[in-house]
Amino acid sequence: MRVHARTMRRAVWVALVVLAGCAQPPKPLYMWENFPRQQYDALLREGVSPLEQI
C-alpha cells in the first residue's frame, strides 16, 4: 500500500509537470506592433490637447 501511494504521488507530479510544460502565456488583447505607423501618427494628433480632441 505504501509503494502504491508513492507511485501515485509520482504519477501526479509527472502529470503536473507535463501539463505545466504545455501551458502557453496569455496573448495580448491588442497587437500594436503591427499597427501601421501612418495610421498611428494620424490618430495621435500631436500638439493637440485631449480637450481639443473631444
PDB file of N, CA and C in Angstrom:
ATOM      1  N   MET A   1       0.819  -1.196   0.000  1.00  0.00           N
ATOM      2  CA  MET A   1       0.000   0.000   0.000  1.00  0.00           C
ATOM      3  C   MET A   1       0.860   1.256   0.000  1.00  0.00           C
ATOM      4  N   ARG A   2       1.950   1.236   0.746  1.00  0.00           N
ATOM      5  CA  ARG A   2       2.824   2.397   0.827  1.00  0.00           C
ATOM      6  C   ARG A   2       3.503   2.654  -0.523  1.00  0.00           C
ATOM      7  N   VAL A   3       3.904   1.596  -1.205  1.00  0.00           N
ATOM      8  CA  VAL A   3       4.539   1.742  -2.518  1.00  0.00           C
ATOM      9  C   VAL A   3       3.542   2.292  -3.526  1.00  0.00           C
ATOM     10  N   HIS A   4       2.309   1.843  -3.432  1.00  0.00           N
ATOM     11  CA  HIS A   4       1.264   2.309  -4.345  1.00  0.00           C
ATOM     12  C   HIS A   4       1.020   3.814  -4.162  1.00  0.00           C
ATOM     13  N   ALA A   5       0.991   4.292  -2.937  1.00  0.00           N
ATOM     14  CA  ALA A   5       0.770   5.715  -2.675  1.00  0.00           C
ATOM     15  C   ALA A   5       1.933   6.536  -3.209  1.00  0.00           C
ATOM     16  N   ARG A   6       3.155   6.049  -3.045  1.00  0.00           N
ATOM     17  CA  ARG A   6       4.335   6.760  -3.549  1.00  0.00           C
ATOM     18  C   ARG A   6       4.307   6.812  -5.079  1.00  0.00           C
ATOM     19  N   THR A   7       3.918   5.717  -5.696  1.00  0.00           N
ATOM     20  CA  THR A   7       3.836   5.674  -7.161  1.00  0.00           C
ATOM     21  C   THR A   7       2.765   6.639  -7.667  1.00  0.00           C
ATOM     22  N   MET A   8       1.652   6.676  -6.983  1.00  0.00           N
ATOM     23  CA  MET A   8       0.574   7.592  -7.387  1.00  0.00           C
ATOM     24  C   MET A   8       1.020   9.047  -7.237  1.00  0.00           C
ATOM     25  N   ARG A   9       1.724   9.347  -6.147  1.00  0.00           N
ATOM     26  CA  ARG A   9       2.220  10.711  -5.952  1.00  0.00           C
ATOM     27  C   ARG A   9       3.175  11.099  -7.066  1.00  0.00           C
ATOM     28  N   ARG A  10       4.062  10.204  -7.425  1.00  0.00           N
ATOM     29  CA  ARG A  10       4.995  10.495  -8.526  1.00  0.00           C
ATOM     30  C   ARG A  10       4.258  10.688  -9.833  1.00  0.00           C
ATOM     31  N   ALA A  11       3.239   9.874 -10.078  1.00  0.00           N
ATOM     32  CA  ALA A  11       2.464   9.999 -11.317  1.00  0.00           C
ATOM     33  C   ALA A  11       1.754  11.351 -11.372  1.00  0.00           C
ATOM     34  N   VAL A  12       1.235  11.791 -10.245  1.00  0.00           N
ATOM     35  CA  VAL A  12       0.565  13.094 -10.199  1.00  0.00           C
ATOM     36  C   VAL A  12       1.573  14.205 -10.471  1.00  0.00           C
ATOM     37  N   TRP A  13       2.768  14.133  -9.876  1.00  0.00           N
ATOM     38  CA  TRP A  13       3.790  15.152 -10.110  1.00  0.00           C
ATOM     39  C   TRP A  13       4.226  15.179 -11.567  1.00  0.00           C
ATOM     40  N   VAL A  14       4.382  14.004 -12.156  1.00  0.00           N
ATOM     41  CA  VAL A  14       4.773  13.940 -13.572  1.00  0.00           C
ATOM     42  C   VAL A  14       3.678  14.567 -14.438  1.00  0.00           C
ATOM     43  N   ALA A  15       2.437  14.267 -14.135  1.00  0.00           N
ATOM     44  CA  ALA A  15       1.327  14.839 -14.908  1.00  0.00           C
ATOM     45  C   ALA A  15       1.293  16.356 -14.764  1.00  0.00           C
ATOM     46  N   LEU A  16       1.518  16.860 -13.567  1.00  0.00           N
ATOM     47  CA  LEU A  16       1.535  18.315 -13.366  1.00  0.00           C
ATOM     48  C   LEU A  16       2.669  18.979 -14.135  1.00  0.00           C
ATOM     49  N   VAL A  17       3.838  18.356 -14.151  1.00  0.00           N
ATOM     50  CA  VAL A  17       4.984  18.926 -14.877  1.00  0.00           C
ATOM     51  C   VAL A  17       4.698  18.935 -16.375  1.00  0.00           C
ATOM     52  N   VAL A  18       4.131  17.852 -16.875  1.00  0.00           N
ATOM     53  CA  VAL A  18       3.813  17.791 -18.312  1.00  0.00           C
ATOM     54  C   VAL A  18       2.779  18.845 -18.676  1.00  0.00           C
ATOM     55  N   LEU A  19       1.723  18.971 -17.868  1.00  0.00           N
ATOM     56  CA  LEU A  19       0.697  19.970 -18.159  1.00  0.00           C
ATOM     57  C   LEU A  19       1.241  21.388 -18.045  1.00  0.00           C
ATOM     58  N   ALA A  20       2.106  21.628 -17.081  1.00  0.00           N
ATOM     59  CA  ALA A  20       2.699  22.964 -16.934  1.00  0.00           C
ATOM     60  C   ALA A  20       3.590  23.284 -18.134  1.00  0.00           C
ATOM     61  N   GLY A  21       4.249  22.285 -18.676  1.00  0.00           N
ATOM     62  CA  GLY A  21       5.102  22.491 -19.850  1.00  0.00           C
ATOM     63  C   GLY A  21       4.298  22.819 -21.091  1.00  0.00           C
ATOM     64  N   CYS A  22       3.067  22.401 -21.141  1.00  0.00           N
ATOM     65  CA  CYS A  22       2.209  22.655 -22.306  1.00  0.00           C
ATOM     66  C   CYS A  22       1.485  23.999 -22.208  1.00  0.00           C
ATOM     67  N   ALA A  23       1.520  24.612 -21.048  1.00  0.00           N
ATOM     68  CA  ALA A  23       0.793  25.871 -20.847  1.00  0.00           C
ATOM     69  C   ALA A  23       1.418  26.981 -21.695  1.00  0.00           C
ATOM     70  N   GLN A  24       0.577  27.860 -22.210  1.00  0.00           N
ATOM     71  CA  GLN A  24       1.036  28.988 -23.007  1.00  0.00           C
ATOM     72  C   GLN A  24       0.730  30.273 -22.262  1.00  0.00           C
ATOM     73  N   PRO A  25       1.620  31.259 -22.361  1.00  0.00           N
ATOM     74  CA  PRO A  25       1.316  32.535 -21.709  1.00  0.00           C
ATOM     75  C   PRO A  25       0.137  33.209 -22.403  1.00  0.00           C
ATOM     76  N   PRO A  26      -0.601  34.046 -21.694  1.00  0.00           N
ATOM     77  CA  PRO A  26      -1.744  34.715 -22.315  1.00  0.00           C
ATOM     78  C   PRO A  26      -1.286  35.641 -23.438  1.00  0.00           C
ATOM     79  N   LYS A  27      -2.060  35.661 -24.489  1.00  0.00           N
ATOM     80  CA  LYS A  27      -1.737  36.520 -25.634  1.00  0.00           C
ATOM     81  C   LYS A  27      -2.301  37.913 -25.376  1.00  0.00           C
ATOM     82  N   PRO A  28      -1.613  38.937 -25.868  1.00  0.00           N
ATOM     83  CA  PRO A  28      -2.120  40.298 -25.647  1.00  0.00           C
ATOM     84  C   PRO A  28      -3.441  40.512 -26.387  1.00  0.00           C
ATOM     85  N   LEU A  29      -4.250  41.383 -25.824  1.00  0.00           N
ATOM     86  CA  LEU A  29      -5.553  41.668 -26.419  1.00  0.00           C
ATOM     87  C   LEU A  29      -5.399  42.439 -27.730  1.00  0.00           C
ATOM     88  N   TYR A  30      -4.447  43.357 -27.765  1.00  0.00           N
ATOM     89  CA  TYR A  30      -4.220  44.172 -28.957  1.00  0.00           C
ATOM     90  C   TYR A  30      -2.796  43.959 -29.447  1.00  0.00           C
ATOM     91  N   MET A  31      -2.615  43.909 -30.745  1.00  0.00           N
ATOM     92  CA  MET A  31      -1.297  43.702 -31.348  1.00  0.00           C
ATOM     93  C   MET A  31      -0.825  45.010 -31.967  1.00  0.00           C
ATOM     94  N   TRP A  32      -0.308  45.927 -31.143  1.00  0.00           N
ATOM     95  CA  TRP A  32       0.066  47.254 -31.622  1.00  0.00           C
ATOM     96  C   TRP A  32       1.302  47.250 -32.497  1.00  0.00           C
ATOM     97  N   GLU A  33       2.162  46.236 -32.401  1.00  0.00           N
ATOM     98  CA  GLU A  33       3.376  46.262 -33.215  1.00  0.00           C
ATOM     99  C   GLU A  33       3.082  46.145 -34.707  1.00  0.00           C
ATOM    100  N   ASN A  34       1.906  45.674 -35.067  1.00  0.00           N
ATOM    101  CA  ASN A  34       1.542  45.567 -36.479  1.00  0.00           C
ATOM    102  C   ASN A  34       0.678  46.740 -36.947  1.00  0.00           C
ATOM    103  N   PHE A  35       0.409  47.665 -36.056  1.00  0.00           N
ATOM    104  CA  PHE A  35      -0.432  48.817 -36.406  1.00  0.00           C
ATOM    105  C   PHE A  35       0.350  49.724 -37.349  1.00  0.00           C
ATOM    106  N   PRO A  36      -0.183  50.041 -38.506  1.00  0.00           N
ATOM    107  CA  PRO A  36       0.551  50.871 -39.458  1.00  0.00           C
ATOM    108  C   PRO A  36       0.949  52.218 -38.855  1.00  0.00           C
ATOM    109  N   ARG A  37       2.194  52.591 -39.073  1.00  0.00           N
ATOM    110  CA  ARG A  37       2.729  53.814 -38.483  1.00  0.00           C
ATOM    111  C   ARG A  37       1.965  55.049 -38.952  1.00  0.00           C
ATOM    112  N   GLN A  38       1.547  55.076 -40.208  1.00  0.00           N
ATOM    113  CA  GLN A  38       0.826  56.231 -40.733  1.00  0.00           C
ATOM    114  C   GLN A  38      -0.509  56.416 -40.008  1.00  0.00           C
ATOM    115  N   GLN A  39      -1.218  55.338 -39.751  1.00  0.00           N
ATOM    116  CA  GLN A  39      -2.470  55.439 -39.016  1.00  0.00           C
ATOM    117  C   GLN A  39      -2.222  55.905 -37.587  1.00  0.00           C
ATOM    118  N   TYR A  40      -1.177  55.381 -36.985  1.00  0.00           N
ATOM    119  CA  TYR A  40      -0.848  55.776 -35.618  1.00  0.00           C
ATOM    120  C   TYR A  40      -0.581  57.274 -35.542  1.00  0.00           C
ATOM    121  N   ASP A  41       0.225  57.780 -36.470  1.00  0.00           N
ATOM    122  CA  ASP A  41       0.544  59.211 -36.478  1.00  0.00           C
ATOM    123  C   ASP A  41      -0.705  60.058 -36.715  1.00  0.00           C
ATOM    124  N   ALA A  42      -1.592  59.594 -37.580  1.00  0.00           N
ATOM    125  CA  ALA A  42      -2.810  60.355 -37.872  1.00  0.00           C
ATOM    126  C   ALA A  42      -3.734  60.400 -36.657  1.00  0.00           C
ATOM    127  N   LEU A  43      -3.819  59.306 -35.940  1.00  0.00           N
ATOM    128  CA  LEU A  43      -4.700  59.250 -34.780  1.00  0.00           C
ATOM    129  C   LEU A  43      -4.088  59.891 -33.541  1.00  0.00           C
ATOM    130  N   LEU A  44      -2.778  60.003 -33.500  1.00  0.00           N
ATOM    131  CA  LEU A  44      -2.100  60.548 -32.332  1.00  0.00           C
ATOM    132  C   LEU A  44      -2.371  62.035 -32.179  1.00  0.00           C
ATOM    133  N   ARG A  45      -2.364  62.780 -33.288  1.00  0.00           N
ATOM    134  CA  ARG A  45      -2.622  64.225 -33.309  1.00  0.00           C
ATOM    135  C   ARG A  45      -1.748  64.946 -32.295  1.00  0.00           C
ATOM    136  N   GLU A  46      -0.461  64.896 -32.497  1.00  0.00           N
ATOM    137  CA  GLU A  46       0.477  65.557 -31.589  1.00  0.00           C
ATOM    138  C   GLU A  46       0.236  67.061 -31.588  1.00  0.00           C
ATOM    139  N   GLY A  47       0.429  67.668 -30.432  1.00  0.00           N
ATOM    140  CA  GLY A  47       0.255  69.099 -30.288  1.00  0.00           C
ATOM    141  C   GLY A  47      -1.161  69.520 -29.987  1.00  0.00           C
ATOM    142  N   VAL A  48      -2.072  68.572 -29.963  1.00  0.00           N
ATOM    143  CA  VAL A  48      -3.465  68.877 -29.677  1.00  0.00           C
ATOM    144  C   VAL A  48      -3.766  68.332 -28.285  1.00  0.00           C
ATOM    145  N   SER A  49      -4.368  69.157 -27.434  1.00  0.00           N
ATOM    146  CA  SER A  49      -4.680  68.722 -26.080  1.00  0.00           C
ATOM    147  C   SER A  49      -5.834  67.722 -26.107  1.00  0.00           C
ATOM    148  N   PRO A  50      -5.951  66.919 -25.066  1.00  0.00           N
ATOM    149  CA  PRO A  50      -7.054  65.955 -25.010  1.00  0.00           C
ATOM    150  C   PRO A  50      -8.428  66.637 -25.067  1.00  0.00           C
ATOM    151  N   LEU A  51      -8.549  67.824 -24.484  1.00  0.00           N
ATOM    152  CA  LEU A  51      -9.831  68.520 -24.531  1.00  0.00           C
ATOM    153  C   LEU A  51     -10.183  68.949 -25.943  1.00  0.00           C
ATOM    154  N   GLU A  52      -9.188  69.349 -26.717  1.00  0.00           N
ATOM    155  CA  GLU A  52      -9.443  69.742 -28.113  1.00  0.00           C
ATOM    156  C   GLU A  52      -9.804  68.521 -28.965  1.00  0.00           C
ATOM    157  N   GLN A  53      -9.311  67.369 -28.607  1.00  0.00           N
ATOM    158  CA  GLN A  53      -9.620  66.163 -29.362  1.00  0.00           C
ATOM    159  C   GLN A  53     -11.067  65.726 -29.153  1.00  0.00           C
ATOM    160  N   ILE A  54     -11.609  66.076 -28.010  1.00  0.00           N
ATOM    161  CA  ILE A  54     -13.012  65.696 -27.721  1.00  0.00           C
ATOM    162  C   ILE A  54     -13.905  66.649 -28.465  1.00  0.00           C
TER     163      ILE A  54
END
